[in-house]
């Protein structure tokens, strides 16, 4: 490795490299290519006791029971990311049916977060609450939404 690389920067790179290896969603060769490392540099890094220590910690952290949700989310995301080039080809393939293309386009838009409205994300739509304080200390609350009908009695 370059001896001119400052120690904190090199340490951060070792942690990032160890995390990538612990996650195990890319091959070691792909990770080395991602970090522009030669086999010689990789051999030097693997022999570094600091790297070995960081790698062990990252593996333990990644495989811990409390990390299941994050691990699953990241792996699912990696699967989707690897599938996107195929989905792009199928979206532009003249042999694919229009309904299949439309569904695929909807899915890709959902993944990208395009066209998301509040109803899909679970936020309230067209709903408000009105609280009326009457002088005698009584409260009357009226919750109105698009699907509710407001009923009232003029004598109340």
C-alpha atoms as a PDB file:
ATOM      1  CA  UNK A   1       0.000   0.000   0.000  1.00  0.00           C
ATOM      2  CA  UNK A   2       1.017   3.587  -0.482  1.00  0.00           C
ATOM      3  CA  UNK A   3       3.028   4.680   2.539  1.00  0.00           C
ATOM      4  CA  UNK A   4       2.060   8.296   1.847  1.00  0.00           C
ATOM      5  CA  UNK A   5      -1.583   7.602   2.754  1.00  0.00           C
ATOM      6  CA  UNK A   6      -2.306   9.255   6.083  1.00  0.00           C
ATOM      7  CA  UNK A   7      -3.060   6.843   8.950  1.00  0.00           C
ATOM      8  CA  UNK A   8      -6.677   7.995   9.700  1.00  0.00           C
ATOM      9  CA  UNK A   9      -7.627   7.751   6.020  1.00  0.00           C
ATOM     10  CA  UNK A  10      -6.016   4.314   5.747  1.00  0.00           C
ATOM     11  CA  UNK A  11      -7.809   3.170   8.913  1.00  0.00           C
ATOM     12  CA  UNK A  12     -11.168   4.294   7.526  1.00  0.00           C
ATOM     13  CA  UNK A  13     -10.447   2.408   4.312  1.00  0.00           C
ATOM     14  CA  UNK A  14      -9.585  -0.724   6.330  1.00  0.00           C
ATOM     15  CA  UNK A  15     -12.890  -0.483   8.200  1.00  0.00           C
ATOM     16  CA  UNK A  16     -14.842   0.001   4.949  1.00  0.00           C
ATOM     17  CA  UNK A  17     -13.027  -2.904   3.321  1.00  0.00           C
ATOM     18  CA  UNK A  18     -13.636  -5.133   6.350  1.00  0.00           C
ATOM     19  CA  UNK A  19     -17.331  -4.211   6.339  1.00  0.00           C
ATOM     20  CA  UNK A  20     -17.683  -5.061   2.649  1.00  0.00           C
ATOM     21  CA  UNK A  21     -16.080  -8.446   3.254  1.00  0.00           C
ATOM     22  CA  UNK A  22     -18.243  -9.097   6.350  1.00  0.00           C
ATOM     23  CA  UNK A  23     -21.435  -8.257   4.458  1.00  0.00           C
ATOM     24  CA  UNK A  24     -20.445 -10.870   1.865  1.00  0.00           C
ATOM     25  CA  UNK A  25     -22.704  -9.700  -0.942  1.00  0.00           C
ATOM     26  CA  UNK A  26     -19.778  -9.233  -3.346  1.00  0.00           C
ATOM     27  CA  UNK A  27     -16.890 -11.552  -4.093  1.00  0.00           C
ATOM     28  CA  UNK A  28     -13.475 -10.611  -2.730  1.00  0.00           C
ATOM     29  CA  UNK A  29     -12.266  -9.924  -6.277  1.00  0.00           C
ATOM     30  CA  UNK A  30     -15.193  -7.549  -6.864  1.00  0.00           C
ATOM     31  CA  UNK A  31     -14.459  -5.770  -3.575  1.00  0.00           C
ATOM     32  CA  UNK A  32     -10.788  -5.411  -4.482  1.00  0.00           C
ATOM     33  CA  UNK A  33     -11.790  -3.975  -7.841  1.00  0.00           C
ATOM     34  CA  UNK A  34     -14.229  -1.602  -6.128  1.00  0.00           C
ATOM     35  CA  UNK A  35     -11.408  -0.296  -3.928  1.00  0.00           C
ATOM     36  CA  UNK A  36      -8.837  -0.417  -6.755  1.00  0.00           C
ATOM     37  CA  UNK A  37      -6.571  -2.802  -4.841  1.00  0.00           C
ATOM     38  CA  UNK A  38      -4.078  -5.175  -6.422  1.00  0.00           C
ATOM     39  CA  UNK A  39      -3.535  -8.730  -5.182  1.00  0.00           C
ATOM     40  CA  UNK A  40      -0.210  -7.586  -3.716  1.00  0.00           C
ATOM     41  CA  UNK A  41      -1.919  -4.782  -1.766  1.00  0.00           C
ATOM     42  CA  UNK A  42      -4.606  -7.219  -0.631  1.00  0.00           C
ATOM     43  CA  UNK A  43      -1.951  -9.634   0.671  1.00  0.00           C
ATOM     44  CA  UNK A  44      -0.385  -6.805   2.664  1.00  0.00           C
ATOM     45  CA  UNK A  45      -3.761  -5.746   4.079  1.00  0.00           C
ATOM     46  CA  UNK A  46      -4.711  -9.321   5.037  1.00  0.00           C
ATOM     47  CA  UNK A  47      -1.452  -9.638   7.008  1.00  0.00           C
ATOM     48  CA  UNK A  48      -2.118  -6.398   8.900  1.00  0.00           C
ATOM     49  CA  UNK A  49      -3.122  -7.236  12.522  1.00  0.00           C
ATOM     50  CA  UNK A  50      -5.288  -4.111  12.707  1.00  0.00           C
ATOM     51  CA  UNK A  51      -7.241  -5.230   9.633  1.00  0.00           C
ATOM     52  CA  UNK A  52      -7.677  -8.732  11.059  1.00  0.00           C
ATOM     53  CA  UNK A  53      -9.059  -7.263  14.279  1.00  0.00           C
ATOM     54  CA  UNK A  54     -11.438  -4.920  12.431  1.00  0.00           C
ATOM     55  CA  UNK A  55     -12.603  -7.725  10.123  1.00  0.00           C
ATOM     56  CA  UNK A  56     -13.410 -10.009  13.072  1.00  0.00           C
ATOM     57  CA  UNK A  57     -15.399  -7.219  14.720  1.00  0.00           C
ATOM     58  CA  UNK A  58     -17.291  -6.399  11.513  1.00  0.00           C
ATOM     59  CA  UNK A  59     -18.172 -10.081  10.983  1.00  0.00           C
ATOM     60  CA  UNK A  60     -19.473 -10.379  14.556  1.00  0.00           C
ATOM     61  CA  UNK A  61     -21.436  -7.160  14.189  1.00  0.00           C
ATOM     62  CA  UNK A  62     -22.909  -8.124  10.815  1.00  0.00           C
ATOM     63  CA  UNK A  63     -23.949 -11.586  11.955  1.00  0.00           C
ATOM     64  CA  UNK A  64     -25.439 -10.537  15.300  1.00  0.00           C
ATOM     65  CA  UNK A  65     -29.081 -11.343  15.945  1.00  0.00           C
ATOM     66  CA  UNK A  66     -29.903  -7.655  16.426  1.00  0.00           C
ATOM     67  CA  UNK A  67     -28.745  -6.926  12.874  1.00  0.00           C
ATOM     68  CA  UNK A  68     -31.199  -9.262  11.110  1.00  0.00           C
ATOM     69  CA  UNK A  69     -33.485  -6.534   9.757  1.00  0.00           C
ATOM     70  CA  UNK A  70     -30.614  -4.427   8.393  1.00  0.00           C
ATOM     71  CA  UNK A  71     -28.885  -7.492   6.946  1.00  0.00           C
ATOM     72  CA  UNK A  72     -32.071  -8.668   5.225  1.00  0.00           C
ATOM     73  CA  UNK A  73     -32.838  -5.192   3.880  1.00  0.00           C
ATOM     74  CA  UNK A  74     -29.337  -4.765   2.487  1.00  0.00           C
ATOM     75  CA  UNK A  75     -29.267  -8.205   0.842  1.00  0.00           C
ATOM     76  CA  UNK A  76     -32.727  -7.665  -0.677  1.00  0.00           C
ATOM     77  CA  UNK A  77     -31.544  -4.309  -1.973  1.00  0.00           C
ATOM     78  CA  UNK A  78     -28.475  -5.956  -3.513  1.00  0.00           C
ATOM     79  CA  UNK A  79     -30.671  -8.553  -5.232  1.00  0.00           C
ATOM     80  CA  UNK A  80     -32.898  -5.811  -6.655  1.00  0.00           C
ATOM     81  CA  UNK A  81     -29.872  -3.800  -7.751  1.00  0.00           C
ATOM     82  CA  UNK A  82     -28.433  -6.818  -9.573  1.00  0.00           C
ATOM     83  CA  UNK A  83     -31.814  -7.412 -11.230  1.00  0.00           C
ATOM     84  CA  UNK A  84     -32.243  -3.840 -12.518  1.00  0.00           C
ATOM     85  CA  UNK A  85     -30.220  -4.280 -15.749  1.00  0.00           C
ATOM     86  CA  UNK A  86     -32.394  -7.271 -16.708  1.00  0.00           C
ATOM     87  CA  UNK A  87     -35.552  -5.324 -15.867  1.00  0.00           C
ATOM     88  CA  UNK A  88     -34.319  -2.462 -18.070  1.00  0.00           C
ATOM     89  CA  UNK A  89     -33.810  -4.855 -21.004  1.00  0.00           C
ATOM     90  CA  UNK A  90     -37.232  -6.435 -20.478  1.00  0.00           C
ATOM     91  CA  UNK A  91     -38.908  -3.037 -20.227  1.00  0.00           C
ATOM     92  CA  UNK A  92     -37.554  -2.173 -23.682  1.00  0.00           C
ATOM     93  CA  UNK A  93     -38.019  -5.632 -25.224  1.00  0.00           C
ATOM     94  CA  UNK A  94     -40.620  -5.593 -28.013  1.00  0.00           C
ATOM     95  CA  UNK A  95     -41.451  -9.246 -27.264  1.00  0.00           C
ATOM     96  CA  UNK A  96     -42.694  -8.436 -23.730  1.00  0.00           C
ATOM     97  CA  UNK A  97     -46.432  -7.826 -23.385  1.00  0.00           C
ATOM     98  CA  UNK A  98     -47.688  -4.354 -22.581  1.00  0.00           C
ATOM     99  CA  UNK A  99     -49.326  -5.381 -19.264  1.00  0.00           C
ATOM    100  CA  UNK A 100     -46.032  -6.977 -18.146  1.00  0.00           C
ATOM    101  CA  UNK A 101     -44.150  -3.806 -19.079  1.00  0.00           C
ATOM    102  CA  UNK A 102     -46.641  -1.620 -17.215  1.00  0.00           C
ATOM    103  CA  UNK A 103     -46.343  -3.725 -14.044  1.00  0.00           C
ATOM    104  CA  UNK A 104     -42.566  -3.705 -14.323  1.00  0.00           C
ATOM    105  CA  UNK A 105     -42.550   0.068 -14.800  1.00  0.00           C
ATOM    106  CA  UNK A 106     -44.791   0.469 -11.726  1.00  0.00           C
ATOM    107  CA  UNK A 107     -42.440  -1.672  -9.657  1.00  0.00           C
ATOM    108  CA  UNK A 108     -39.365   0.226 -10.801  1.00  0.00           C
ATOM    109  CA  UNK A 109     -41.128   3.525 -10.048  1.00  0.00           C
ATOM    110  CA  UNK A 110     -41.982   2.265  -6.527  1.00  0.00           C
ATOM    111  CA  UNK A 111     -38.379   1.221  -5.942  1.00  0.00           C
ATOM    112  CA  UNK A 112     -37.204   4.643  -7.100  1.00  0.00           C
ATOM    113  CA  UNK A 113     -39.851   6.412  -5.015  1.00  0.00           C
ATOM    114  CA  UNK A 114     -41.370   8.082  -8.076  1.00  0.00           C
ATOM    115  CA  UNK A 115     -45.049   8.974  -8.023  1.00  0.00           C
ATOM    116  CA  UNK A 116     -45.512   7.975  -4.393  1.00  0.00           C
ATOM    117  CA  UNK A 117     -48.509   9.639  -2.886  1.00  0.00           C
ATOM    118  CA  UNK A 118     -49.435   9.898   0.768  1.00  0.00           C
ATOM    119  CA  UNK A 119     -51.916   7.016   0.641  1.00  0.00           C
ATOM    120  CA  UNK A 120     -49.239   4.522  -0.364  1.00  0.00           C
ATOM    121  CA  UNK A 121     -46.788   5.678   2.274  1.00  0.00           C
ATOM    122  CA  UNK A 122     -49.446   5.412   4.989  1.00  0.00           C
ATOM    123  CA  UNK A 123     -49.949   9.091   5.671  1.00  0.00           C
ATOM    124  CA  UNK A 124     -53.442  10.396   6.326  1.00  0.00           C
ATOM    125  CA  UNK A 125     -55.264  11.758   3.331  1.00  0.00           C
ATOM    126  CA  UNK A 126     -57.970  14.419   3.493  1.00  0.00           C
ATOM    127  CA  UNK A 127     -58.570  14.053   7.223  1.00  0.00           C
ATOM    128  CA  UNK A 128     -58.780  16.655   9.925  1.00  0.00           C
ATOM    129  CA  UNK A 129     -59.922  16.912  13.521  1.00  0.00           C
ATOM    130  CA  UNK A 130     -61.985  19.757  14.931  1.00  0.00           C
ATOM    131  CA  UNK A 131     -62.284  20.304  18.699  1.00  0.00           C
ATOM    132  CA  UNK A 132     -64.871  22.728  20.005  1.00  0.00           C
ATOM    133  CA  UNK A 133     -64.597  23.894  23.610  1.00  0.00           C
ATOM    134  CA  UNK A 134     -67.968  24.950  24.945  1.00  0.00           C
ATOM    135  CA  UNK A 135     -67.977  27.394  27.884  1.00  0.00           C
ATOM    136  CA  UNK A 136     -69.273  24.820  30.387  1.00  0.00           C
ATOM    137  CA  UNK A 137     -66.053  22.769  30.200  1.00  0.00           C
ATOM    138  CA  UNK A 138     -67.415  20.196  27.772  1.00  0.00           C
ATOM    139  CA  UNK A 139     -65.410  19.256  24.718  1.00  0.00           C
ATOM    140  CA  UNK A 140     -66.864  18.072  21.495  1.00  0.00           C
ATOM    141  CA  UNK A 141     -64.525  16.509  18.940  1.00  0.00           C
ATOM    142  CA  UNK A 142     -65.369  15.862  15.331  1.00  0.00           C
ATOM    143  CA  UNK A 143     -63.055  13.820  13.123  1.00  0.00           C
ATOM    144  CA  UNK A 144     -63.711  14.190   9.426  1.00  0.00           C
ATOM    145  CA  UNK A 145     -62.260  12.134   6.616  1.00  0.00           C
ATOM    146  CA  UNK A 146     -63.135  11.700   2.982  1.00  0.00           C
ATOM    147  CA  UNK A 147     -65.146   8.541   3.631  1.00  0.00           C
ATOM    148  CA  UNK A 148     -67.054   9.782   6.721  1.00  0.00           C
ATOM    149  CA  UNK A 149     -70.440  11.470   6.646  1.00  0.00           C
ATOM    150  CA  UNK A 150     -71.001  14.292   9.092  1.00  0.00           C
ATOM    151  CA  UNK A 151     -74.268  13.848  10.931  1.00  0.00           C
ATOM    152  CA  UNK A 152     -75.566  16.433  13.337  1.00  0.00           C
ATOM    153  CA  UNK A 153     -78.586  17.369  15.345  1.00  0.00           C
ATOM    154  CA  UNK A 154     -79.481  21.031  15.486  1.00  0.00           C
ATOM    155  CA  UNK A 155     -80.603  20.660  19.114  1.00  0.00           C
ATOM    156  CA  UNK A 156     -77.190  19.451  20.434  1.00  0.00           C
END
